[in-house]
Amino acid sequence: MTKNIFAVFLEKLLGFPLWVKQIIFLHLYQNLEKYLAEDFINVTEEDTFHLYVPVLSFAGRNEMVDRKCGCDVNIYNFLANVHDGLSMLEISMNNFWTMEEVAKTYMYCLDKEYVKAPTSKLILAMAGFMSGKYRTGEYFKRIGKINIDQLERTIVKQKELAQQGQNLKMAEIMISLGYITEKDTSSLLIIKEESHKRFILDIGILPKEVSALPPKEADVKAYQDEIVTLKEQNRVLKEQLSKILTFVKKNG
C-alpha cells in the first residue's frame, strides 16, 4: 500500500494549480541549492538512484525461488521487490529501510549477480558511495568528475603530505588541486548523511480524500493471500515445535 499511497500523493501534488506548484518548486529549489551543487540538483530521472528500478538476473530469479544460498531474509525481500518492479524509493518505503540499507542490499545482490548492472554510471556510483563500498575519490572517478591519473596524483599527494605530518582527506586534496569544489564534496557528504535516515509517509499529511481511499481489490486479495500463507507457515512451525518437544522429552 505504501507504493500506491506515495504515487497518489505525487499525483495530488501535480494536480495543484500551476501557481501553487511554482511556489513549491521555488521553495524546494532554494532549499536544495543551499546544500547541493548544481550537478546533484539537475540530475535526470534516468540517473537518479532513488528512482532506479533494478532488474533481476536469471541467477537472481532462481535464488529468489530456490533460496539455495541461504541468504538473509532481507535479501529475498529485496529480490521479491525487484521482481515486482519497484524502484529503490518504493523498496525503501515498503520495507521501512533507510536508503543506505537499500544501497547496501543492492550492491550485495549486484556482487552476487542477482541483479543486472545499471546502464547509468551515476546510479552505480551513488549506490556504491551510499553503501560505503566506494569512497569519495572513487565516486568522483566513476562519474567522470576526475580521471584515473588525477586520482593517482591525489593518492600520491596524500602520502607525501602524510610523511610531512599533514593528514588530509582525499576530498581536501582534490579540492586543493582544483579537481573538485567544496560544494561537490559537501553535497556528497550531505547525501551520505541523509541516506541514514528512515522515511515513512504519514497518511495524515495527505488530503482526506486520498487517505480515505478504499483499498484496491487487488491489494485486498494480496493481503488475504498473505494471511493464508502466514497461517499455514504458523501451522507448520507449531508441528515442528511439537516434534522437537516430543523428542526432547523422550531423550531428556
C-alpha atoms as a PDB file:
ATOM      1  CA  MET A   1       0.000   0.000   0.000  1.00  0.00           C
ATOM      2  CA  THR A   2       2.901   2.380   0.651  1.00  0.00           C
ATOM      3  CA  LYS A   3       3.776   2.370  -3.017  1.00  0.00           C
ATOM      4  CA  ASN A   4       0.202   3.253  -4.006  1.00  0.00           C
ATOM      5  CA  ILE A   5      -0.134   5.972  -1.351  1.00  0.00           C
ATOM      6  CA  PHE A   6       3.092   7.658  -2.449  1.00  0.00           C
ATOM      7  CA  ALA A   7       2.004   7.557  -6.079  1.00  0.00           C
ATOM      8  CA  VAL A   8      -1.344   9.118  -5.157  1.00  0.00           C
ATOM      9  CA  PHE A   9       0.458  11.719  -3.054  1.00  0.00           C
ATOM     10  CA  LEU A  10       2.604  12.765  -6.026  1.00  0.00           C
ATOM     11  CA  GLU A  11      -0.430  12.778  -8.271  1.00  0.00           C
ATOM     12  CA  LYS A  12      -2.176  15.162  -5.878  1.00  0.00           C
ATOM     13  CA  LEU A  13       0.819  17.496  -5.838  1.00  0.00           C
ATOM     14  CA  LEU A  14       0.936  17.535  -9.635  1.00  0.00           C
ATOM     15  CA  GLY A  15      -2.758  18.349  -9.660  1.00  0.00           C
ATOM     16  CA  PHE A  16      -2.255  21.608  -7.760  1.00  0.00           C
ATOM     17  CA  PRO A  17      -2.771  24.881  -9.678  1.00  0.00           C
ATOM     18  CA  LEU A  18       0.274  25.966 -11.646  1.00  0.00           C
ATOM     19  CA  TRP A  19       0.961  28.986  -9.417  1.00  0.00           C
ATOM     20  CA  VAL A  20       0.941  26.755  -6.320  1.00  0.00           C
ATOM     21  CA  LYS A  21       3.346  24.281  -7.937  1.00  0.00           C
ATOM     22  CA  GLN A  22       5.602  27.178  -8.919  1.00  0.00           C
ATOM     23  CA  ILE A  23       5.804  28.375  -5.321  1.00  0.00           C
ATOM     24  CA  ILE A  24       6.506  24.851  -4.084  1.00  0.00           C
ATOM     25  CA  PHE A  25       9.194  24.454  -6.728  1.00  0.00           C
ATOM     26  CA  LEU A  26      10.879  27.736  -5.812  1.00  0.00           C
ATOM     27  CA  HIS A  27      10.987  26.861  -2.125  1.00  0.00           C
ATOM     28  CA  LEU A  28      12.295  23.376  -2.832  1.00  0.00           C
ATOM     29  CA  TYR A  29      14.901  24.657  -5.275  1.00  0.00           C
ATOM     30  CA  GLN A  30      16.125  27.291  -2.815  1.00  0.00           C
ATOM     31  CA  ASN A  31      16.397  24.627  -0.130  1.00  0.00           C
ATOM     32  CA  LEU A  32      18.306  22.228  -2.380  1.00  0.00           C
ATOM     33  CA  GLU A  33      20.533  24.985  -3.742  1.00  0.00           C
ATOM     34  CA  LYS A  34      21.570  25.802  -0.181  1.00  0.00           C
ATOM     35  CA  TYR A  35      23.028  22.325   0.319  1.00  0.00           C
ATOM     36  CA  LEU A  36      23.696  20.775  -3.077  1.00  0.00           C
ATOM     37  CA  ALA A  37      25.875  21.555  -6.080  1.00  0.00           C
ATOM     38  CA  GLU A  38      24.158  22.007  -9.446  1.00  0.00           C
ATOM     39  CA  ASP A  39      25.225  18.558 -10.644  1.00  0.00           C
ATOM     40  CA  PHE A  40      23.201  16.962  -7.852  1.00  0.00           C
ATOM     41  CA  ILE A  41      20.170  19.219  -8.320  1.00  0.00           C
ATOM     42  CA  ASN A  42      19.891  18.926 -12.095  1.00  0.00           C
ATOM     43  CA  VAL A  43      20.370  15.162 -12.289  1.00  0.00           C
ATOM     44  CA  THR A  44      17.889  13.460 -14.628  1.00  0.00           C
ATOM     45  CA  GLU A  45      15.429  10.769 -13.578  1.00  0.00           C
ATOM     46  CA  GLU A  46      17.418   8.225 -15.583  1.00  0.00           C
ATOM     47  CA  ASP A  47      20.490   8.954 -13.439  1.00  0.00           C
ATOM     48  CA  THR A  48      18.755   9.177 -10.042  1.00  0.00           C
ATOM     49  CA  PHE A  49      19.420   6.213  -7.743  1.00  0.00           C
ATOM     50  CA  HIS A  50      16.172   6.639  -5.754  1.00  0.00           C
ATOM     51  CA  LEU A  51      14.053   6.331  -8.915  1.00  0.00           C
ATOM     52  CA  TYR A  52      16.028   3.469 -10.428  1.00  0.00           C
ATOM     53  CA  VAL A  53      14.101   0.241 -10.965  1.00  0.00           C
ATOM     54  CA  PRO A  54      16.603  -2.648 -10.663  1.00  0.00           C
ATOM     55  CA  VAL A  55      16.279  -5.722 -12.852  1.00  0.00           C
ATOM     56  CA  LEU A  56      16.561  -9.339 -11.731  1.00  0.00           C
ATOM     57  CA  SER A  57      19.083 -11.562 -13.451  1.00  0.00           C
ATOM     58  CA  PHE A  58      18.461 -15.213 -14.252  1.00  0.00           C
ATOM     59  CA  ALA A  59      20.539 -16.184 -11.210  1.00  0.00           C
ATOM     60  CA  GLY A  60      18.593 -13.755  -9.029  1.00  0.00           C
ATOM     61  CA  ARG A  61      15.268 -15.149 -10.171  1.00  0.00           C
ATOM     62  CA  ASN A  62      16.408 -18.698  -9.379  1.00  0.00           C
ATOM     63  CA  GLU A  63      17.766 -17.714  -5.966  1.00  0.00           C
ATOM     64  CA  MET A  64      14.556 -15.894  -5.116  1.00  0.00           C
ATOM     65  CA  VAL A  65      12.625 -19.111  -5.726  1.00  0.00           C
ATOM     66  CA  ASP A  66      15.057 -21.834  -4.594  1.00  0.00           C
ATOM     67  CA  ARG A  67      16.945 -19.976  -1.820  1.00  0.00           C
ATOM     68  CA  LYS A  68      19.868 -22.359  -2.205  1.00  0.00           C
ATOM     69  CA  CYS A  69      22.439 -19.880  -0.861  1.00  0.00           C
ATOM     70  CA  GLY A  70      20.575 -19.311   2.394  1.00  0.00           C
ATOM     71  CA  CYS A  71      20.847 -15.522   2.280  1.00  0.00           C
ATOM     72  CA  ASP A  72      19.419 -13.191   4.888  1.00  0.00           C
ATOM     73  CA  VAL A  73      15.646 -12.763   4.666  1.00  0.00           C
ATOM     74  CA  ASN A  74      16.117  -9.119   3.679  1.00  0.00           C
ATOM     75  CA  ILE A  75      17.933 -10.220   0.532  1.00  0.00           C
ATOM     76  CA  TYR A  76      14.959 -12.314  -0.518  1.00  0.00           C
ATOM     77  CA  ASN A  77      12.574  -9.478   0.330  1.00  0.00           C
ATOM     78  CA  PHE A  78      14.667  -7.206  -1.862  1.00  0.00           C
ATOM     79  CA  LEU A  79      14.675  -9.697  -4.744  1.00  0.00           C
ATOM     80  CA  ALA A  80      10.906 -10.081  -4.434  1.00  0.00           C
ATOM     81  CA  ASN A  81      10.506  -6.294  -4.593  1.00  0.00           C
ATOM     82  CA  VAL A  82      12.740  -6.164  -7.653  1.00  0.00           C
ATOM     83  CA  HIS A  83      10.641  -8.899  -9.229  1.00  0.00           C
ATOM     84  CA  ASP A  84       7.545  -6.742  -8.602  1.00  0.00           C
ATOM     85  CA  GLY A  85       9.142  -3.838 -10.471  1.00  0.00           C
ATOM     86  CA  LEU A  86       9.613  -1.485  -7.529  1.00  0.00           C
ATOM     87  CA  SER A  87      12.015   1.444  -7.588  1.00  0.00           C
ATOM     88  CA  MET A  88      14.669   1.980  -4.913  1.00  0.00           C
ATOM     89  CA  LEU A  89      12.433   4.573  -3.268  1.00  0.00           C
ATOM     90  CA  GLU A  90       9.487   2.186  -3.160  1.00  0.00           C
ATOM     91  CA  ILE A  91      11.668  -0.634  -1.823  1.00  0.00           C
ATOM     92  CA  SER A  92      12.874   1.686   0.927  1.00  0.00           C
ATOM     93  CA  MET A  93       9.370   2.735   1.942  1.00  0.00           C
ATOM     94  CA  ASN A  94       7.759  -0.688   1.660  1.00  0.00           C
ATOM     95  CA  ASN A  95      10.395  -2.278   3.909  1.00  0.00           C
ATOM     96  CA  PHE A  96      10.989   0.737   6.192  1.00  0.00           C
ATOM     97  CA  TRP A  97      14.663   0.663   5.190  1.00  0.00           C
ATOM     98  CA  THR A  98      16.992   3.611   5.012  1.00  0.00           C
ATOM     99  CA  MET A  99      18.367   4.435   1.579  1.00  0.00           C
ATOM    100  CA  GLU A 100      21.760   3.289   2.869  1.00  0.00           C
ATOM    101  CA  GLU A 101      20.283  -0.130   3.669  1.00  0.00           C
ATOM    102  CA  VAL A 102      18.743  -0.297   0.195  1.00  0.00           C
ATOM    103  CA  ALA A 103      22.085   0.624  -1.378  1.00  0.00           C
ATOM    104  CA  LYS A 104      23.970  -1.993   0.658  1.00  0.00           C
ATOM    105  CA  THR A 105      21.446  -4.679  -0.241  1.00  0.00           C
ATOM    106  CA  TYR A 106      21.559  -3.690  -3.894  1.00  0.00           C
ATOM    107  CA  MET A 107      25.364  -3.758  -4.030  1.00  0.00           C
ATOM    108  CA  TYR A 108      25.383  -7.179  -2.349  1.00  0.00           C
ATOM    109  CA  CYS A 109      22.928  -8.521  -4.929  1.00  0.00           C
ATOM    110  CA  LEU A 110      24.953  -6.899  -7.702  1.00  0.00           C
ATOM    111  CA  ASP A 111      28.147  -8.589  -6.477  1.00  0.00           C
ATOM    112  CA  LYS A 112      26.294 -11.909  -6.359  1.00  0.00           C
ATOM    113  CA  GLU A 113      24.937 -11.215  -9.870  1.00  0.00           C
ATOM    114  CA  TYR A 114      21.346 -11.488  -8.619  1.00  0.00           C
ATOM    115  CA  VAL A 115      20.539  -8.185 -10.348  1.00  0.00           C
ATOM    116  CA  LYS A 116      21.791  -6.639 -13.555  1.00  0.00           C
ATOM    117  CA  ALA A 117      24.191  -3.698 -13.523  1.00  0.00           C
ATOM    118  CA  PRO A 118      22.584  -0.314 -14.297  1.00  0.00           C
ATOM    119  CA  THR A 119      23.437   1.406 -17.543  1.00  0.00           C
ATOM    120  CA  SER A 120      23.852   4.722 -15.709  1.00  0.00           C
ATOM    121  CA  LYS A 121      27.293   5.267 -14.203  1.00  0.00           C
ATOM    122  CA  LEU A 122      25.787   7.855 -11.840  1.00  0.00           C
ATOM    123  CA  ILE A 123      23.374   5.322 -10.346  1.00  0.00           C
ATOM    124  CA  LEU A 124      26.099   2.743  -9.785  1.00  0.00           C
ATOM    125  CA  ALA A 125      28.449   5.340  -8.301  1.00  0.00           C
ATOM    126  CA  MET A 126      25.782   6.639  -5.911  1.00  0.00           C
ATOM    127  CA  ALA A 127      24.805   3.125  -4.852  1.00  0.00           C
ATOM    128  CA  GLY A 128      28.437   2.295  -4.175  1.00  0.00           C
ATOM    129  CA  PHE A 129      29.012   5.515  -2.234  1.00  0.00           C
ATOM    130  CA  MET A 130      25.885   5.304  -0.088  1.00  0.00           C
ATOM    131  CA  SER A 131      26.605   1.653   0.682  1.00  0.00           C
ATOM    132  CA  GLY A 132      30.144   2.500   1.797  1.00  0.00           C
ATOM    133  CA  LYS A 133      31.777   0.430  -0.929  1.00  0.00           C
ATOM    134  CA  TYR A 134      33.147   3.460  -2.808  1.00  0.00           C
ATOM    135  CA  ARG A 135      34.959   6.336  -1.160  1.00  0.00           C
ATOM    136  CA  THR A 136      34.844   9.948  -2.288  1.00  0.00           C
ATOM    137  CA  GLY A 137      37.680   9.681  -4.804  1.00  0.00           C
ATOM    138  CA  GLU A 138      36.268   6.513  -6.341  1.00  0.00           C
ATOM    139  CA  TYR A 139      32.833   8.116  -6.625  1.00  0.00           C
ATOM    140  CA  PHE A 140      34.111  11.167  -8.493  1.00  0.00           C
ATOM    141  CA  LYS A 141      36.211   8.959 -10.762  1.00  0.00           C
ATOM    142  CA  ARG A 142      33.253   6.754 -11.628  1.00  0.00           C
ATOM    143  CA  ILE A 143      31.022   9.687 -12.569  1.00  0.00           C
ATOM    144  CA  GLY A 144      33.785  11.228 -14.684  1.00  0.00           C
ATOM    145  CA  LYS A 145      34.455  14.234 -12.460  1.00  0.00           C
ATOM    146  CA  ILE A 146      38.112  13.204 -12.258  1.00  0.00           C
ATOM    147  CA  ASN A 147      40.148  10.719 -14.287  1.00  0.00           C
ATOM    148  CA  ILE A 148      42.368   7.864 -13.140  1.00  0.00           C
ATOM    149  CA  ASP A 149      45.537   9.965 -13.444  1.00  0.00           C
ATOM    150  CA  GLN A 150      44.084  12.682 -11.223  1.00  0.00           C
ATOM    151  CA  LEU A 151      43.017  10.102  -8.674  1.00  0.00           C
ATOM    152  CA  GLU A 152      46.503   8.595  -8.627  1.00  0.00           C
ATOM    153  CA  ARG A 153      48.076  12.043  -8.254  1.00  0.00           C
ATOM    154  CA  THR A 154      45.752  12.706  -5.340  1.00  0.00           C
ATOM    155  CA  ILE A 155      46.808   9.464  -3.652  1.00  0.00           C
ATOM    156  CA  VAL A 156      50.497  10.279  -4.165  1.00  0.00           C
ATOM    157  CA  LYS A 157      49.960  13.796  -2.793  1.00  0.00           C
ATOM    158  CA  GLN A 158      48.168  12.412   0.244  1.00  0.00           C
ATOM    159  CA  LYS A 159      51.083  10.087   1.010  1.00  0.00           C
ATOM    160  CA  GLU A 160      53.595  12.931   0.604  1.00  0.00           C
ATOM    161  CA  LEU A 161      51.641  15.145   2.963  1.00  0.00           C
ATOM    162  CA  ALA A 162      51.276  12.311   5.462  1.00  0.00           C
ATOM    163  CA  GLN A 163      55.059  11.940   5.553  1.00  0.00           C
ATOM    164  CA  GLN A 164      55.221  15.644   6.391  1.00  0.00           C
ATOM    165  CA  GLY A 165      52.785  15.148   9.240  1.00  0.00           C
ATOM    166  CA  GLN A 166      49.763  16.530   7.375  1.00  0.00           C
ATOM    167  CA  ASN A 167      46.929  14.007   7.417  1.00  0.00           C
ATOM    168  CA  LEU A 168      44.457  15.379   4.886  1.00  0.00           C
ATOM    169  CA  LYS A 169      41.447  13.607   3.463  1.00  0.00           C
ATOM    170  CA  MET A 170      41.277  12.717  -0.215  1.00  0.00           C
ATOM    171  CA  ALA A 171      38.499  15.228  -0.809  1.00  0.00           C
ATOM    172  CA  GLU A 172      40.540  18.038   0.739  1.00  0.00           C
ATOM    173  CA  ILE A 173      43.468  17.267  -1.530  1.00  0.00           C
ATOM    174  CA  MET A 174      41.287  17.033  -4.645  1.00  0.00           C
ATOM    175  CA  ILE A 175      39.853  20.447  -3.779  1.00  0.00           C
ATOM    176  CA  SER A 176      43.327  21.922  -3.285  1.00  0.00           C
ATOM    177  CA  LEU A 177      44.381  20.519  -6.657  1.00  0.00           C
ATOM    178  CA  GLY A 178      41.350  22.069  -8.322  1.00  0.00           C
ATOM    179  CA  TYR A 179      39.773  18.775  -9.383  1.00  0.00           C
ATOM    180  CA  ILE A 180      36.512  19.304  -7.480  1.00  0.00           C
ATOM    181  CA  THR A 181      34.864  22.061  -5.451  1.00  0.00           C
ATOM    182  CA  GLU A 182      33.969  22.274  -1.773  1.00  0.00           C
ATOM    183  CA  LYS A 183      30.284  22.270  -2.794  1.00  0.00           C
ATOM    184  CA  ASP A 184      30.809  18.999  -4.674  1.00  0.00           C
ATOM    185  CA  THR A 185      32.210  17.376  -1.540  1.00  0.00           C
ATOM    186  CA  SER A 186      29.730  18.854   0.919  1.00  0.00           C
ATOM    187  CA  SER A 187      26.845  17.778  -1.348  1.00  0.00           C
ATOM    188  CA  LEU A 188      28.073  14.213  -1.382  1.00  0.00           C
ATOM    189  CA  LEU A 189      28.554  14.137   2.392  1.00  0.00           C
ATOM    190  CA  ILE A 190      25.044  15.514   2.976  1.00  0.00           C
ATOM    191  CA  ILE A 191      23.581  12.849   0.697  1.00  0.00           C
ATOM    192  CA  LYS A 192      25.509  10.214   2.629  1.00  0.00           C
ATOM    193  CA  GLU A 193      24.231  11.567   5.945  1.00  0.00           C
ATOM    194  CA  GLU A 194      20.650  11.757   4.680  1.00  0.00           C
ATOM    195  CA  SER A 195      20.840   8.163   3.446  1.00  0.00           C
ATOM    196  CA  HIS A 196      20.979   7.053   7.101  1.00  0.00           C
ATOM    197  CA  LYS A 197      17.504   8.441   7.764  1.00  0.00           C
ATOM    198  CA  ARG A 198      14.349   6.366   7.610  1.00  0.00           C
ATOM    199  CA  PHE A 199      11.345   7.851   5.790  1.00  0.00           C
ATOM    200  CA  ILE A 200       7.749   6.855   6.427  1.00  0.00           C
ATOM    201  CA  LEU A 201       4.991   8.660   4.562  1.00  0.00           C
ATOM    202  CA  ASP A 202       2.403   9.598   7.172  1.00  0.00           C
ATOM    203  CA  ILE A 203      -1.076   9.164   5.730  1.00  0.00           C
ATOM    204  CA  GLY A 204      -2.153  12.051   7.938  1.00  0.00           C
ATOM    205  CA  ILE A 205      -0.337  14.569   5.738  1.00  0.00           C
ATOM    206  CA  LEU A 206      -2.346  13.539   2.684  1.00  0.00           C
ATOM    207  CA  PRO A 207      -5.604  15.219   1.716  1.00  0.00           C
ATOM    208  CA  LYS A 208      -8.590  13.486   3.359  1.00  0.00           C
ATOM    209  CA  GLU A 209      -9.953  12.238   0.072  1.00  0.00           C
ATOM    210  CA  VAL A 210      -6.607  10.481  -0.529  1.00  0.00           C
ATOM    211  CA  SER A 211      -6.150   8.920   2.892  1.00  0.00           C
ATOM    212  CA  ALA A 212      -9.757   7.773   2.827  1.00  0.00           C
ATOM    213  CA  LEU A 213      -9.414   5.943  -0.467  1.00  0.00           C
ATOM    214  CA  PRO A 214     -10.664   2.354  -0.199  1.00  0.00           C
ATOM    215  CA  PRO A 215      -8.052  -0.318  -0.849  1.00  0.00           C
ATOM    216  CA  LYS A 216      -7.964  -1.717  -4.343  1.00  0.00           C
ATOM    217  CA  GLU A 217      -9.426  -5.166  -4.879  1.00  0.00           C
ATOM    218  CA  ALA A 218      -6.013  -6.484  -5.906  1.00  0.00           C
ATOM    219  CA  ASP A 219      -4.487  -5.159  -2.668  1.00  0.00           C
ATOM    220  CA  VAL A 220      -7.207  -6.767  -0.548  1.00  0.00           C
ATOM    221  CA  LYS A 221      -6.709 -10.077  -2.362  1.00  0.00           C
ATOM    222  CA  ALA A 222      -2.937  -9.832  -1.814  1.00  0.00           C
ATOM    223  CA  TYR A 223      -3.373  -9.239   1.907  1.00  0.00           C
ATOM    224  CA  GLN A 224      -5.855 -12.121   2.196  1.00  0.00           C
ATOM    225  CA  ASP A 225      -3.438 -14.449   0.410  1.00  0.00           C
ATOM    226  CA  GLU A 226      -0.622 -13.290   2.675  1.00  0.00           C
ATOM    227  CA  ILE A 227      -2.720 -14.046   5.776  1.00  0.00           C
ATOM    228  CA  VAL A 228      -3.466 -17.542   4.486  1.00  0.00           C
ATOM    229  CA  THR A 229       0.245 -18.106   3.813  1.00  0.00           C
ATOM    230  CA  LEU A 230       1.232 -16.885   7.279  1.00  0.00           C
ATOM    231  CA  LYS A 231      -1.361 -19.117   8.913  1.00  0.00           C
ATOM    232  CA  GLU A 232      -0.019 -22.126   7.031  1.00  0.00           C
ATOM    233  CA  GLN A 233       3.570 -21.250   7.997  1.00  0.00           C
ATOM    234  CA  ASN A 234       2.457 -20.897  11.612  1.00  0.00           C
ATOM    235  CA  ARG A 235       0.800 -24.319  11.496  1.00  0.00           C
ATOM    236  CA  VAL A 236       3.968 -25.924  10.103  1.00  0.00           C
ATOM    237  CA  LEU A 237       6.112 -24.259  12.753  1.00  0.00           C
ATOM    238  CA  LYS A 238       3.825 -25.492  15.513  1.00  0.00           C
ATOM    239  CA  GLU A 239       4.044 -29.041  14.193  1.00  0.00           C
ATOM    240  CA  GLN A 240       7.841 -28.830  14.052  1.00  0.00           C
ATOM    241  CA  LEU A 241       7.999 -27.414  17.562  1.00  0.00           C
ATOM    242  CA  SER A 242       5.733 -30.169  18.837  1.00  0.00           C
ATOM    243  CA  LYS A 243       8.002 -32.820  17.315  1.00  0.00           C
ATOM    244  CA  ILE A 244      11.069 -31.198  18.864  1.00  0.00           C
ATOM    245  CA  LEU A 245       9.450 -31.087  22.318  1.00  0.00           C
ATOM    246  CA  THR A 246       8.390 -34.737  21.996  1.00  0.00           C
ATOM    247  CA  PHE A 247      11.936 -35.717  21.039  1.00  0.00           C
ATOM    248  CA  VAL A 248      13.402 -33.776  23.970  1.00  0.00           C
ATOM    249  CA  LYS A 249      11.006 -35.419  26.423  1.00  0.00           C
ATOM    250  CA  LYS A 250      11.851 -38.900  25.168  1.00  0.00           C
ATOM    251  CA  ASN A 251      15.600 -38.328  25.240  1.00  0.00           C
ATOM    252  CA  GLY A 252      15.805 -35.878  28.162  1.00  0.00           C
END
